[in-house]
Amino acid sequence: MLDQFLKTQIHLAAGLIALWAIIGIAAGLAAAALCYWISGRCGAWRWDWKRAVWFRALTVLWLISGFGILGAWAGSAEGTLRGTERVVRDSHLRTEGLDRAGRLGAIAVALRH
């Protein structure tokens, strides 16, 4: 069972997805910090009205969560692309699975006509 799992190289694809998701989260949080700093330089945090503290807190939470989620999404997409490429390039799927799929497709086309 373990031998078959290691032949499929799914663990490498999952590792790449996780790695790129973490990289995306880090990039998203860095972008959130940059937006926070730019908006602070523009005077966005010097408000004097009664509920300004709550608005600032919600804005910071939105920046952190929004950029973190978008970064994780983009990183997961990149990891999925790279993981799929590695699985197809370096596994039995390329040598056996795609060959069988091509033969079955050719048989289906031949039977159709």
N, C-alpha and C. Protein backbone atom coordinates (compact mmCIF):
# COMPACT_ATOMS: atom_id res chain seq x y z
N MET A 1 0.83 -1.20 0.00
CA MET A 1 0.00 0.00 0.00
C MET A 1 0.87 1.26 0.00
N LEU A 2 1.86 1.30 0.90
CA LEU A 2 2.74 2.45 0.97
C LEU A 2 3.58 2.57 -0.30
N ASP A 3 4.01 1.42 -0.83
CA ASP A 3 4.80 1.42 -2.06
C ASP A 3 3.99 2.02 -3.21
N GLN A 4 2.72 1.65 -3.31
CA GLN A 4 1.85 2.18 -4.37
C GLN A 4 1.64 3.68 -4.19
N PHE A 5 1.48 4.12 -2.93
CA PHE A 5 1.30 5.54 -2.65
C PHE A 5 2.53 6.34 -3.07
N LEU A 6 3.72 5.81 -2.78
CA LEU A 6 4.94 6.51 -3.14
C LEU A 6 5.17 6.54 -4.64
N LYS A 7 4.67 5.54 -5.36
CA LYS A 7 4.80 5.54 -6.82
C LYS A 7 3.94 6.62 -7.46
N THR A 8 2.82 6.93 -6.87
CA THR A 8 1.92 7.91 -7.47
C THR A 8 2.43 9.34 -7.32
N GLN A 9 3.29 9.58 -6.36
CA GLN A 9 3.86 10.89 -6.09
C GLN A 9 2.82 11.94 -5.72
N ILE A 10 1.69 11.48 -5.19
CA ILE A 10 0.67 12.42 -4.73
C ILE A 10 1.18 13.22 -3.54
N HIS A 11 2.03 12.60 -2.72
CA HIS A 11 2.58 13.30 -1.57
C HIS A 11 3.42 14.51 -2.02
N LEU A 12 4.10 14.40 -3.15
CA LEU A 12 4.86 15.55 -3.65
C LEU A 12 3.94 16.67 -4.12
N ALA A 13 2.86 16.29 -4.78
CA ALA A 13 1.89 17.30 -5.24
C ALA A 13 1.25 18.00 -4.05
N ALA A 14 0.88 17.24 -3.03
CA ALA A 14 0.27 17.85 -1.83
C ALA A 14 1.27 18.75 -1.12
N GLY A 15 2.53 18.35 -1.09
CA GLY A 15 3.56 19.19 -0.49
C GLY A 15 3.75 20.49 -1.24
N LEU A 16 3.71 20.42 -2.57
CA LEU A 16 3.84 21.65 -3.37
C LEU A 16 2.65 22.58 -3.17
N ILE A 17 1.46 22.00 -3.07
CA ILE A 17 0.27 22.83 -2.83
C ILE A 17 0.39 23.53 -1.48
N ALA A 18 0.80 22.79 -0.45
CA ALA A 18 0.94 23.40 0.88
C ALA A 18 2.05 24.46 0.89
N LEU A 19 3.17 24.16 0.25
CA LEU A 19 4.27 25.12 0.21
C LEU A 19 3.85 26.42 -0.47
N TRP A 20 3.22 26.31 -1.62
CA TRP A 20 2.82 27.53 -2.33
C TRP A 20 1.68 28.26 -1.63
N ALA A 21 0.82 27.54 -0.91
CA ALA A 21 -0.22 28.21 -0.12
C ALA A 21 0.41 29.03 1.00
N ILE A 22 1.43 28.49 1.64
CA ILE A 22 2.13 29.23 2.70
C ILE A 22 2.85 30.44 2.12
N ILE A 23 3.48 30.27 0.97
CA ILE A 23 4.14 31.40 0.31
C ILE A 23 3.11 32.47 -0.06
N GLY A 24 1.94 32.04 -0.55
CA GLY A 24 0.88 32.99 -0.89
C GLY A 24 0.35 33.73 0.32
N ILE A 25 0.19 33.02 1.43
CA ILE A 25 -0.26 33.68 2.66
C ILE A 25 0.76 34.72 3.11
N ALA A 26 2.03 34.36 3.08
CA ALA A 26 3.08 35.31 3.48
C ALA A 26 3.08 36.54 2.57
N ALA A 27 2.94 36.31 1.26
CA ALA A 27 2.90 37.45 0.33
C ALA A 27 1.66 38.30 0.56
N GLY A 28 0.52 37.66 0.85
CA GLY A 28 -0.71 38.40 1.12
C GLY A 28 -0.61 39.24 2.38
N LEU A 29 0.00 38.68 3.41
CA LEU A 29 0.17 39.44 4.65
C LEU A 29 1.16 40.59 4.47
N ALA A 30 2.17 40.37 3.64
CA ALA A 30 3.10 41.47 3.34
C ALA A 30 2.38 42.57 2.57
N ALA A 31 1.51 42.20 1.63
CA ALA A 31 0.74 43.20 0.89
C ALA A 31 -0.23 43.94 1.82
N ALA A 32 -0.82 43.23 2.78
CA ALA A 32 -1.71 43.88 3.75
C ALA A 32 -0.95 44.88 4.60
N ALA A 33 0.25 44.52 5.05
CA ALA A 33 1.06 45.45 5.83
C ALA A 33 1.45 46.67 5.01
N LEU A 34 1.75 46.46 3.73
CA LEU A 34 2.08 47.57 2.85
C LEU A 34 0.88 48.50 2.66
N CYS A 35 -0.30 47.93 2.46
CA CYS A 35 -1.51 48.77 2.33
C CYS A 35 -1.80 49.52 3.62
N TYR A 36 -1.60 48.87 4.76
CA TYR A 36 -1.80 49.54 6.05
C TYR A 36 -0.83 50.71 6.20
N TRP A 37 0.42 50.50 5.84
CA TRP A 37 1.42 51.55 5.95
C TRP A 37 1.12 52.71 5.00
N ILE A 38 0.75 52.40 3.75
CA ILE A 38 0.44 53.45 2.77
C ILE A 38 -0.77 54.26 3.21
N SER A 39 -1.80 53.58 3.69
CA SER A 39 -2.99 54.30 4.12
C SER A 39 -2.70 55.14 5.37
N GLY A 40 -1.82 54.68 6.23
CA GLY A 40 -1.41 55.47 7.39
C GLY A 40 -0.64 56.72 6.98
N ARG A 41 0.22 56.58 5.97
CA ARG A 41 0.96 57.73 5.46
C ARG A 41 0.04 58.75 4.80
N CYS A 42 -1.09 58.28 4.28
CA CYS A 42 -2.06 59.19 3.63
C CYS A 42 -3.01 59.81 4.64
N GLY A 43 -2.92 59.44 5.90
CA GLY A 43 -3.74 60.05 6.94
C GLY A 43 -5.02 59.31 7.26
N ALA A 44 -5.12 58.06 6.87
CA ALA A 44 -6.35 57.31 7.09
C ALA A 44 -6.60 56.96 8.55
N TRP A 45 -5.60 57.00 9.40
CA TRP A 45 -5.77 56.59 10.79
C TRP A 45 -5.84 57.77 11.76
N ARG A 46 -5.97 58.98 11.27
CA ARG A 46 -6.04 60.16 12.15
C ARG A 46 -7.46 60.70 12.28
N TRP A 47 -8.44 59.85 12.27
CA TRP A 47 -9.82 60.29 12.37
C TRP A 47 -10.17 60.62 13.81
N ASP A 48 -11.10 61.58 13.98
CA ASP A 48 -11.47 62.01 15.32
C ASP A 48 -12.90 61.65 15.71
N TRP A 49 -13.64 61.01 14.85
CA TRP A 49 -15.03 60.74 15.19
C TRP A 49 -15.16 59.59 16.17
N LYS A 50 -16.36 59.45 16.75
CA LYS A 50 -16.60 58.61 17.91
C LYS A 50 -16.27 57.12 17.67
N ARG A 51 -16.64 56.59 16.53
CA ARG A 51 -16.47 55.16 16.25
C ARG A 51 -15.23 54.86 15.38
N ALA A 52 -14.33 55.78 15.29
CA ALA A 52 -13.16 55.61 14.42
C ALA A 52 -12.28 54.44 14.86
N VAL A 53 -12.20 54.17 16.15
CA VAL A 53 -11.37 53.07 16.65
C VAL A 53 -11.89 51.74 16.12
N TRP A 54 -13.22 51.56 16.17
CA TRP A 54 -13.81 50.32 15.68
C TRP A 54 -13.64 50.20 14.17
N PHE A 55 -13.79 51.28 13.47
CA PHE A 55 -13.62 51.26 12.03
C PHE A 55 -12.18 50.91 11.65
N ARG A 56 -11.23 51.45 12.36
CA ARG A 56 -9.82 51.12 12.11
C ARG A 56 -9.55 49.65 12.39
N ALA A 57 -10.09 49.14 13.49
CA ALA A 57 -9.89 47.73 13.84
C ALA A 57 -10.49 46.81 12.77
N LEU A 58 -11.70 47.13 12.31
CA LEU A 58 -12.33 46.33 11.26
C LEU A 58 -11.56 46.41 9.94
N THR A 59 -11.04 47.57 9.65
CA THR A 59 -10.25 47.74 8.44
C THR A 59 -8.97 46.91 8.49
N VAL A 60 -8.30 46.91 9.62
CA VAL A 60 -7.08 46.11 9.76
C VAL A 60 -7.41 44.62 9.65
N LEU A 61 -8.48 44.19 10.30
CA LEU A 61 -8.89 42.78 10.20
C LEU A 61 -9.23 42.41 8.76
N TRP A 62 -9.92 43.31 8.05
CA TRP A 62 -10.25 43.05 6.66
C TRP A 62 -9.00 42.95 5.81
N LEU A 63 -8.05 43.83 6.03
CA LEU A 63 -6.80 43.78 5.26
C LEU A 63 -6.07 42.47 5.49
N ILE A 64 -5.94 42.08 6.74
CA ILE A 64 -5.20 40.85 7.06
C ILE A 64 -5.92 39.63 6.51
N SER A 65 -7.21 39.52 6.76
CA SER A 65 -7.93 38.33 6.30
C SER A 65 -8.09 38.31 4.79
N GLY A 66 -8.43 39.45 4.20
CA GLY A 66 -8.63 39.48 2.75
C GLY A 66 -7.37 39.17 1.97
N PHE A 67 -6.29 39.83 2.32
CA PHE A 67 -5.04 39.57 1.61
C PHE A 67 -4.50 38.18 1.92
N GLY A 68 -4.68 37.71 3.14
CA GLY A 68 -4.24 36.35 3.48
C GLY A 68 -5.01 35.29 2.71
N ILE A 69 -6.32 35.46 2.60
CA ILE A 69 -7.14 34.49 1.86
C ILE A 69 -6.82 34.54 0.37
N LEU A 70 -6.70 35.73 -0.19
CA LEU A 70 -6.35 35.83 -1.61
C LEU A 70 -4.96 35.26 -1.89
N GLY A 71 -4.02 35.51 -1.00
CA GLY A 71 -2.69 34.93 -1.16
C GLY A 71 -2.70 33.42 -1.08
N ALA A 72 -3.46 32.88 -0.13
CA ALA A 72 -3.57 31.42 -0.02
C ALA A 72 -4.21 30.82 -1.26
N TRP A 73 -5.22 31.48 -1.79
CA TRP A 73 -5.89 31.00 -2.99
C TRP A 73 -4.93 30.99 -4.18
N ALA A 74 -4.23 32.09 -4.38
CA ALA A 74 -3.28 32.16 -5.49
C ALA A 74 -2.15 31.16 -5.31
N GLY A 75 -1.64 31.02 -4.09
CA GLY A 75 -0.58 30.05 -3.83
C GLY A 75 -1.05 28.62 -4.03
N SER A 76 -2.27 28.31 -3.63
CA SER A 76 -2.81 26.97 -3.85
C SER A 76 -2.96 26.67 -5.33
N ALA A 77 -3.38 27.67 -6.10
CA ALA A 77 -3.51 27.48 -7.55
C ALA A 77 -2.14 27.20 -8.17
N GLU A 78 -1.14 27.96 -7.76
CA GLU A 78 0.23 27.74 -8.28
C GLU A 78 0.76 26.37 -7.86
N GLY A 79 0.52 25.99 -6.62
CA GLY A 79 0.96 24.68 -6.14
C GLY A 79 0.25 23.54 -6.86
N THR A 80 -1.04 23.71 -7.14
CA THR A 80 -1.77 22.70 -7.88
C THR A 80 -1.21 22.54 -9.28
N LEU A 81 -0.92 23.65 -9.92
CA LEU A 81 -0.34 23.60 -11.26
C LEU A 81 1.02 22.90 -11.25
N ARG A 82 1.89 23.29 -10.35
CA ARG A 82 3.23 22.69 -10.28
C ARG A 82 3.17 21.23 -9.82
N GLY A 83 2.28 20.92 -8.89
CA GLY A 83 2.14 19.54 -8.42
C GLY A 83 1.61 18.62 -9.51
N THR A 84 0.62 19.10 -10.25
CA THR A 84 0.08 18.30 -11.35
C THR A 84 1.13 18.08 -12.42
N GLU A 85 1.89 19.11 -12.72
CA GLU A 85 2.96 18.97 -13.71
C GLU A 85 3.98 17.92 -13.25
N ARG A 86 4.34 17.95 -11.98
CA ARG A 86 5.32 16.98 -11.48
C ARG A 86 4.75 15.57 -11.51
N VAL A 87 3.50 15.40 -11.12
CA VAL A 87 2.89 14.07 -11.11
C VAL A 87 2.82 13.51 -12.52
N VAL A 88 2.43 14.34 -13.47
CA VAL A 88 2.32 13.86 -14.85
C VAL A 88 3.70 13.60 -15.43
N ARG A 89 4.67 14.43 -15.13
CA ARG A 89 6.01 14.30 -15.71
C ARG A 89 6.80 13.15 -15.11
N ASP A 90 6.69 12.90 -13.82
CA ASP A 90 7.59 11.98 -13.14
C ASP A 90 6.94 10.71 -12.61
N SER A 91 5.78 10.34 -13.06
CA SER A 91 5.13 9.18 -12.45
C SER A 91 4.70 8.16 -13.49
N HIS A 92 4.10 7.10 -12.96
CA HIS A 92 3.56 6.06 -13.83
C HIS A 92 2.34 6.55 -14.60
N LEU A 93 1.74 7.62 -14.15
CA LEU A 93 0.59 8.17 -14.88
C LEU A 93 0.99 8.54 -16.29
N ARG A 94 2.17 9.09 -16.45
CA ARG A 94 2.63 9.49 -17.78
C ARG A 94 2.95 8.27 -18.62
N THR A 95 3.66 7.33 -18.06
CA THR A 95 4.12 6.20 -18.86
C THR A 95 3.03 5.16 -19.09
N GLU A 96 2.17 4.95 -18.12
CA GLU A 96 1.15 3.91 -18.26
C GLU A 96 -0.25 4.48 -18.43
N GLY A 97 -0.63 5.41 -17.57
CA GLY A 97 -2.00 5.91 -17.58
C GLY A 97 -2.37 6.67 -18.83
N LEU A 98 -1.51 7.59 -19.24
CA LEU A 98 -1.82 8.37 -20.44
C LEU A 98 -1.75 7.52 -21.70
N ASP A 99 -0.87 6.52 -21.70
CA ASP A 99 -0.78 5.61 -22.83
C ASP A 99 -2.07 4.80 -22.96
N ARG A 100 -2.56 4.28 -21.83
CA ARG A 100 -3.83 3.53 -21.85
C ARG A 100 -5.00 4.43 -22.26
N ALA A 101 -5.01 5.64 -21.75
CA ALA A 101 -6.10 6.55 -22.10
C ALA A 101 -6.08 6.86 -23.59
N GLY A 102 -4.90 7.03 -24.15
CA GLY A 102 -4.80 7.28 -25.59
C GLY A 102 -5.27 6.10 -26.40
N ARG A 103 -4.90 4.88 -26.00
CA ARG A 103 -5.36 3.69 -26.73
C ARG A 103 -6.87 3.52 -26.62
N LEU A 104 -7.42 3.75 -25.42
CA LEU A 104 -8.87 3.64 -25.25
C LEU A 104 -9.60 4.70 -26.07
N GLY A 105 -9.04 5.91 -26.12
CA GLY A 105 -9.64 6.95 -26.94
C GLY A 105 -9.63 6.59 -28.42
N ALA A 106 -8.51 5.99 -28.87
CA ALA A 106 -8.43 5.58 -30.27
C ALA A 106 -9.42 4.49 -30.59
N ILE A 107 -9.59 3.55 -29.65
CA ILE A 107 -10.58 2.48 -29.85
C ILE A 107 -11.99 3.06 -29.88
N ALA A 108 -12.28 4.01 -29.00
CA ALA A 108 -13.61 4.62 -28.97
C ALA A 108 -13.91 5.37 -30.28
N VAL A 109 -12.90 6.07 -30.79
CA VAL A 109 -13.10 6.77 -32.05
C VAL A 109 -13.30 5.78 -33.20
N ALA A 110 -12.54 4.67 -33.17
CA ALA A 110 -12.68 3.66 -34.23
C ALA A 110 -14.05 2.99 -34.15
N LEU A 111 -14.54 2.72 -32.94
CA LEU A 111 -15.86 2.10 -32.81
C LEU A 111 -16.99 3.06 -33.18
N ARG A 112 -16.77 4.31 -33.01
CA ARG A 112 -17.79 5.33 -33.33
C ARG A 112 -18.05 5.37 -34.82
N HIS A 113 -17.03 5.12 -35.61
CA HIS A 113 -17.20 5.18 -37.07
C HIS A 113 -17.40 3.83 -37.57
